[in-house]
Each structure stands twice: as C-alpha cells, then as structure tokens.
C-alpha cells in the first residue's frame, strides 16, 4: 500500500515538472518575441527622433527606420504564420504565402 502511494507521488511530481517545463518553453518564445518587438519600436523611435533633429536629412535615421520596419515585418509574418498554422485551410496558406512574398520582394526593391 505504501509502495503504491510512493509510486503515485513520484508520477505526480514528474507530471508537475513536465508541465512546468512546457510553461517555461512557451513563455520563452513569447518573451523573445516581446524583446524583438521592444527593439523594433526602439529603432523606430530613434529614427523619428533623428528625423526631427536633422530635419529629415539623415542616413542614420534611415538606417534605424529600415531596421525597425524589418523587425515589424518579421514579427507580423511570424505571428501570422502561427495563426495560419492553427487554421489549416488551403486558402489561408495560399494568401499567406502570396502576402509574404509580396512584402519581401517589394521591400527589397524599395531599399
């Protein structure tokens, strides 16, 4: 009887550890996305500040603006991919691919 109780306790403890690890991994991905978003808005803020200071004529401002835009586009694509992955219908996937290819090609052409 006591041996069964110990086995149950060990099993419950193992399950708790699995759940804790799963929460940490999920939280880690969200934390990384949040950090990248934070860096992106920082770049955009610095870009706008340099544009104001130098009256719109600044290569540094343009560089920060491009970095901020790239981060924003990448985050949007990642989050949209997660949404499309959860809605596994061909129409959503096709539109997602068209949108991503269009953004990448046009962004590269306008740099």
N, C-alpha and C. Protein backbone atom coordinates (compact mmCIF):
# COMPACT_ATOMS: atom_id res chain seq x y z
N UNK A 1 0.82 -1.19 0.00
CA UNK A 1 0.00 0.00 0.00
C UNK A 1 0.87 1.26 0.00
N UNK A 2 1.85 1.27 0.87
CA UNK A 2 2.72 2.43 0.97
C UNK A 2 3.57 2.57 -0.30
N UNK A 3 3.93 1.44 -0.89
CA UNK A 3 4.72 1.45 -2.12
C UNK A 3 3.90 2.06 -3.26
N UNK A 4 2.62 1.76 -3.31
CA UNK A 4 1.74 2.34 -4.32
C UNK A 4 1.63 3.84 -4.15
N UNK A 5 1.52 4.29 -2.92
CA UNK A 5 1.44 5.73 -2.64
C UNK A 5 2.71 6.44 -3.11
N UNK A 6 3.86 5.84 -2.87
CA UNK A 6 5.12 6.43 -3.30
C UNK A 6 5.19 6.51 -4.82
N UNK A 7 4.74 5.46 -5.50
CA UNK A 7 4.74 5.46 -6.97
C UNK A 7 3.83 6.55 -7.52
N UNK A 8 2.69 6.72 -6.89
CA UNK A 8 1.74 7.76 -7.33
C UNK A 8 2.35 9.14 -7.12
N UNK A 9 2.99 9.35 -5.98
CA UNK A 9 3.62 10.64 -5.70
C UNK A 9 4.72 10.94 -6.71
N UNK A 10 5.53 9.93 -7.01
CA UNK A 10 6.60 10.12 -7.99
C UNK A 10 6.02 10.47 -9.34
N UNK A 11 4.96 9.78 -9.75
CA UNK A 11 4.32 10.06 -11.03
C UNK A 11 3.77 11.48 -11.07
N UNK A 12 3.10 11.89 -10.00
CA UNK A 12 2.52 13.23 -9.94
C UNK A 12 3.64 14.28 -10.00
N UNK A 13 4.73 14.07 -9.31
CA UNK A 13 5.85 15.01 -9.33
C UNK A 13 6.45 15.12 -10.74
N UNK A 14 6.57 13.98 -11.42
CA UNK A 14 7.10 14.00 -12.80
C UNK A 14 6.17 14.79 -13.72
N UNK A 15 4.89 14.61 -13.57
CA UNK A 15 3.92 15.34 -14.39
C UNK A 15 3.97 16.84 -14.11
N UNK A 16 4.15 17.20 -12.85
CA UNK A 16 4.26 18.62 -12.49
C UNK A 16 5.50 19.23 -13.15
N UNK A 17 6.61 18.51 -13.14
CA UNK A 17 7.84 19.01 -13.75
C UNK A 17 7.67 19.17 -15.25
N UNK A 18 6.98 18.23 -15.92
CA UNK A 18 6.73 18.33 -17.35
C UNK A 18 5.91 19.58 -17.66
N UNK A 19 4.87 19.81 -16.84
CA UNK A 19 4.02 20.98 -17.06
C UNK A 19 4.81 22.27 -16.85
N UNK A 20 5.67 22.30 -15.85
CA UNK A 20 6.48 23.49 -15.58
C UNK A 20 7.43 23.76 -16.75
N UNK A 21 8.05 22.71 -17.28
CA UNK A 21 8.96 22.87 -18.43
C UNK A 21 8.21 23.38 -19.64
N UNK A 22 7.02 22.86 -19.88
CA UNK A 22 6.21 23.30 -21.01
C UNK A 22 5.85 24.77 -20.88
N UNK A 23 5.51 25.20 -19.68
CA UNK A 23 5.19 26.61 -19.46
C UNK A 23 6.41 27.50 -19.69
N UNK A 24 7.57 27.06 -19.26
CA UNK A 24 8.79 27.84 -19.45
C UNK A 24 9.14 27.98 -20.92
N UNK A 25 8.98 26.92 -21.70
CA UNK A 25 9.30 26.97 -23.13
C UNK A 25 8.35 27.91 -23.84
N UNK A 26 7.07 27.82 -23.56
CA UNK A 26 6.09 28.69 -24.19
C UNK A 26 6.34 30.15 -23.80
N UNK A 27 6.61 30.38 -22.55
CA UNK A 27 6.89 31.72 -22.06
C UNK A 27 8.17 32.24 -22.70
N UNK A 28 9.14 31.37 -22.93
CA UNK A 28 10.39 31.77 -23.55
C UNK A 28 10.20 32.31 -24.96
N UNK A 29 9.35 31.65 -25.75
CA UNK A 29 9.09 32.10 -27.12
C UNK A 29 8.41 33.46 -27.09
N UNK A 30 7.40 33.61 -26.23
CA UNK A 30 6.71 34.90 -26.13
C UNK A 30 7.64 35.99 -25.62
N UNK A 31 8.53 35.64 -24.72
CA UNK A 31 9.48 36.61 -24.19
C UNK A 31 10.43 37.08 -25.28
N UNK A 32 10.88 36.16 -26.12
CA UNK A 32 11.77 36.52 -27.22
C UNK A 32 11.05 37.43 -28.21
N UNK A 33 9.81 37.09 -28.55
CA UNK A 33 9.04 37.95 -29.46
C UNK A 33 8.85 39.34 -28.87
N UNK A 34 8.57 39.39 -27.58
CA UNK A 34 8.38 40.69 -26.93
C UNK A 34 9.67 41.51 -26.94
N UNK A 35 10.81 40.86 -26.71
CA UNK A 35 12.10 41.55 -26.73
C UNK A 35 12.39 42.10 -28.13
N UNK A 36 12.14 41.31 -29.14
CA UNK A 36 12.38 41.76 -30.52
C UNK A 36 11.45 42.93 -30.85
N UNK A 37 10.20 42.84 -30.42
CA UNK A 37 9.26 43.95 -30.65
C UNK A 37 9.74 45.21 -29.94
N UNK A 38 10.26 45.05 -28.74
CA UNK A 38 10.78 46.19 -27.97
C UNK A 38 11.94 46.85 -28.72
N UNK A 39 12.84 46.03 -29.25
CA UNK A 39 13.96 46.57 -30.03
C UNK A 39 13.46 47.28 -31.28
N UNK A 40 12.45 46.70 -31.92
CA UNK A 40 11.88 47.31 -33.12
C UNK A 40 11.27 48.68 -32.86
N UNK A 41 10.49 48.79 -31.78
CA UNK A 41 9.90 50.10 -31.51
C UNK A 41 10.95 51.10 -31.07
N UNK A 42 12.01 50.60 -30.43
CA UNK A 42 13.13 51.48 -30.08
C UNK A 42 13.80 52.05 -31.32
N UNK A 43 14.02 51.19 -32.32
CA UNK A 43 14.62 51.66 -33.58
C UNK A 43 13.74 52.67 -34.28
N UNK A 44 12.44 52.43 -34.30
CA UNK A 44 11.53 53.37 -34.94
C UNK A 44 11.51 54.69 -34.19
N UNK A 45 11.53 54.64 -32.85
CA UNK A 45 11.54 55.87 -32.05
C UNK A 45 12.81 56.68 -32.30
N UNK A 46 13.95 55.99 -32.34
CA UNK A 46 15.22 56.67 -32.61
C UNK A 46 15.21 57.28 -34.01
N UNK A 47 14.67 56.54 -34.96
CA UNK A 47 14.58 57.05 -36.32
C UNK A 47 13.75 58.33 -36.39
N UNK A 48 12.60 58.31 -35.73
CA UNK A 48 11.75 59.51 -35.73
C UNK A 48 12.43 60.68 -35.02
N UNK A 49 13.15 60.38 -33.96
CA UNK A 49 13.88 61.42 -33.23
C UNK A 49 14.96 62.04 -34.11
N UNK A 50 15.76 61.21 -34.79
CA UNK A 50 16.80 61.72 -35.69
C UNK A 50 16.20 62.49 -36.86
N UNK A 51 15.06 62.05 -37.36
CA UNK A 51 14.40 62.77 -38.44
C UNK A 51 14.00 64.16 -37.98
N UNK A 52 13.52 64.26 -36.76
CA UNK A 52 13.12 65.56 -36.21
C UNK A 52 14.34 66.45 -35.97
N UNK A 53 15.39 65.87 -35.41
CA UNK A 53 16.59 66.65 -35.08
C UNK A 53 17.28 67.15 -36.34
N UNK A 54 17.43 66.27 -37.32
CA UNK A 54 18.19 66.62 -38.52
C UNK A 54 17.30 67.07 -39.68
N UNK A 55 16.05 67.38 -39.40
CA UNK A 55 15.10 67.89 -40.39
C UNK A 55 14.93 66.94 -41.58
N UNK A 56 14.92 65.66 -41.35
CA UNK A 56 14.63 64.67 -42.38
C UNK A 56 15.80 64.29 -43.25
N UNK A 57 16.98 64.85 -43.03
CA UNK A 57 18.14 64.57 -43.89
C UNK A 57 19.20 63.83 -43.08
N UNK A 58 18.95 62.54 -42.85
CA UNK A 58 19.90 61.78 -42.04
C UNK A 58 19.95 60.33 -42.49
N UNK A 59 21.14 59.85 -42.79
CA UNK A 59 21.33 58.45 -43.16
C UNK A 59 21.14 57.54 -41.95
N UNK A 60 21.52 58.04 -40.77
CA UNK A 60 21.35 57.25 -39.55
C UNK A 60 19.87 57.02 -39.28
N UNK A 61 19.08 58.05 -39.47
CA UNK A 61 17.64 57.93 -39.29
C UNK A 61 17.06 56.91 -40.26
N UNK A 62 17.50 56.95 -41.50
CA UNK A 62 17.02 55.99 -42.50
C UNK A 62 17.41 54.56 -42.11
N UNK A 63 18.61 54.38 -41.58
CA UNK A 63 19.06 53.05 -41.18
C UNK A 63 18.21 52.51 -40.03
N UNK A 64 17.97 53.34 -39.02
CA UNK A 64 17.13 52.90 -37.90
C UNK A 64 15.71 52.62 -38.36
N UNK A 65 15.22 53.41 -39.28
CA UNK A 65 13.87 53.20 -39.81
C UNK A 65 13.77 51.86 -40.52
N UNK A 66 14.76 51.55 -41.33
CA UNK A 66 14.75 50.28 -42.06
C UNK A 66 14.82 49.10 -41.10
N UNK A 67 15.68 49.19 -40.09
CA UNK A 67 15.78 48.10 -39.11
C UNK A 67 14.45 47.92 -38.37
N UNK A 68 13.83 49.01 -37.97
CA UNK A 68 12.54 48.94 -37.29
C UNK A 68 11.46 48.34 -38.17
N UNK A 69 11.46 48.72 -39.45
CA UNK A 69 10.48 48.16 -40.39
C UNK A 69 10.69 46.67 -40.59
N UNK A 70 11.95 46.27 -40.74
CA UNK A 70 12.24 44.84 -40.94
C UNK A 70 11.78 44.03 -39.73
N UNK A 71 12.07 44.53 -38.55
CA UNK A 71 11.64 43.82 -37.33
C UNK A 71 10.11 43.74 -37.28
N UNK A 72 9.44 44.84 -37.60
CA UNK A 72 7.97 44.83 -37.58
C UNK A 72 7.41 43.84 -38.61
N UNK A 73 7.98 43.82 -39.80
CA UNK A 73 7.51 42.89 -40.83
C UNK A 73 7.75 41.44 -40.41
N UNK A 74 8.92 41.16 -39.87
CA UNK A 74 9.23 39.79 -39.47
C UNK A 74 8.31 39.33 -38.34
N UNK A 75 8.10 40.18 -37.35
CA UNK A 75 7.19 39.82 -36.27
C UNK A 75 5.78 39.57 -36.78
N UNK A 76 5.33 40.42 -37.68
CA UNK A 76 3.99 40.24 -38.26
C UNK A 76 3.91 38.92 -39.01
N UNK A 77 4.95 38.59 -39.75
CA UNK A 77 4.96 37.33 -40.51
C UNK A 77 4.96 36.12 -39.58
N UNK A 78 5.72 36.20 -38.50
CA UNK A 78 5.77 35.08 -37.54
C UNK A 78 4.41 34.89 -36.88
N UNK A 79 3.82 35.97 -36.42
CA UNK A 79 2.52 35.86 -35.76
C UNK A 79 1.43 35.42 -36.73
N UNK A 80 1.49 35.92 -37.96
CA UNK A 80 0.52 35.48 -38.97
C UNK A 80 0.71 34.01 -39.30
N UNK A 81 1.95 33.55 -39.35
CA UNK A 81 2.22 32.13 -39.60
C UNK A 81 1.62 31.27 -38.51
N UNK A 82 1.77 31.69 -37.27
CA UNK A 82 1.18 30.93 -36.16
C UNK A 82 -0.34 30.85 -36.30
N UNK A 83 -0.96 31.93 -36.74
CA UNK A 83 -2.41 31.94 -36.93
C UNK A 83 -2.80 31.03 -38.08
N UNK A 84 -2.08 31.13 -39.20
CA UNK A 84 -2.38 30.31 -40.37
C UNK A 84 -2.18 28.83 -40.05
N UNK A 85 -1.15 28.53 -39.27
CA UNK A 85 -0.88 27.14 -38.90
C UNK A 85 -2.03 26.55 -38.08
N UNK A 86 -2.68 27.37 -37.28
CA UNK A 86 -3.80 26.87 -36.48
C UNK A 86 -5.10 26.80 -37.29
N UNK A 87 -5.16 27.45 -38.44
CA UNK A 87 -6.34 27.41 -39.33
C UNK A 87 -5.91 26.76 -40.64
N UNK A 88 -5.74 25.48 -40.63
CA UNK A 88 -5.14 24.74 -41.74
C UNK A 88 -6.07 24.59 -42.93
N UNK A 89 -6.34 25.68 -43.59
CA UNK A 89 -7.13 25.64 -44.81
C UNK A 89 -6.29 26.21 -45.94
N UNK A 90 -6.46 25.62 -47.12
CA UNK A 90 -5.59 25.95 -48.24
C UNK A 90 -5.66 27.44 -48.59
N UNK A 91 -6.82 28.04 -48.53
CA UNK A 91 -6.97 29.46 -48.87
C UNK A 91 -6.12 30.37 -48.00
N UNK A 92 -6.12 30.10 -46.70
CA UNK A 92 -5.32 30.90 -45.77
C UNK A 92 -3.83 30.75 -46.07
N UNK A 93 -3.41 29.52 -46.32
CA UNK A 93 -1.99 29.25 -46.58
C UNK A 93 -1.54 29.93 -47.86
N UNK A 94 -2.35 29.81 -48.92
CA UNK A 94 -2.00 30.44 -50.21
C UNK A 94 -1.91 31.95 -50.06
N UNK A 95 -2.90 32.55 -49.41
CA UNK A 95 -2.87 34.01 -49.21
C UNK A 95 -1.66 34.43 -48.39
N UNK A 96 -1.34 33.66 -47.34
CA UNK A 96 -0.19 33.98 -46.51
C UNK A 96 1.10 33.98 -47.34
N UNK A 97 1.28 32.95 -48.14
CA UNK A 97 2.49 32.86 -48.98
C UNK A 97 2.55 34.03 -49.95
N UNK A 98 1.43 34.37 -50.58
CA UNK A 98 1.40 35.50 -51.52
C UNK A 98 1.74 36.79 -50.79
N UNK A 99 1.17 37.00 -49.63
CA UNK A 99 1.42 38.23 -48.87
C UNK A 99 2.90 38.34 -48.48
N UNK A 100 3.47 37.26 -47.97
CA UNK A 100 4.86 37.28 -47.52
C UNK A 100 5.81 37.53 -48.69
N UNK A 101 5.59 36.83 -49.79
CA UNK A 101 6.44 37.02 -50.97
C UNK A 101 6.33 38.45 -51.48
N UNK A 102 5.12 38.99 -51.52
CA UNK A 102 4.93 40.37 -51.98
C UNK A 102 5.67 41.35 -51.08
N UNK A 103 5.54 41.19 -49.78
CA UNK A 103 6.22 42.10 -48.85
C UNK A 103 7.73 42.02 -49.02
N UNK A 104 8.26 40.81 -49.07
CA UNK A 104 9.72 40.64 -49.18
C UNK A 104 10.23 41.24 -50.49
N UNK A 105 9.59 40.92 -51.60
CA UNK A 105 10.06 41.41 -52.90
C UNK A 105 9.95 42.92 -52.98
N UNK A 106 8.83 43.47 -52.60
CA UNK A 106 8.67 44.93 -52.71
C UNK A 106 9.56 45.68 -51.73
N UNK A 107 9.79 45.12 -50.55
CA UNK A 107 10.68 45.77 -49.59
C UNK A 107 12.10 45.79 -50.12
N UNK A 108 12.54 44.69 -50.69
CA UNK A 108 13.89 44.63 -51.25
C UNK A 108 14.02 45.59 -52.42
N UNK A 109 13.00 45.69 -53.25
CA UNK A 109 13.07 46.58 -54.42
C UNK A 109 13.08 48.05 -54.02
N UNK A 110 12.49 48.40 -52.89
CA UNK A 110 12.42 49.80 -52.49
C UNK A 110 13.59 50.27 -51.65
N UNK A 111 14.48 49.37 -51.26
CA UNK A 111 15.63 49.78 -50.44
C UNK A 111 16.61 50.56 -51.28
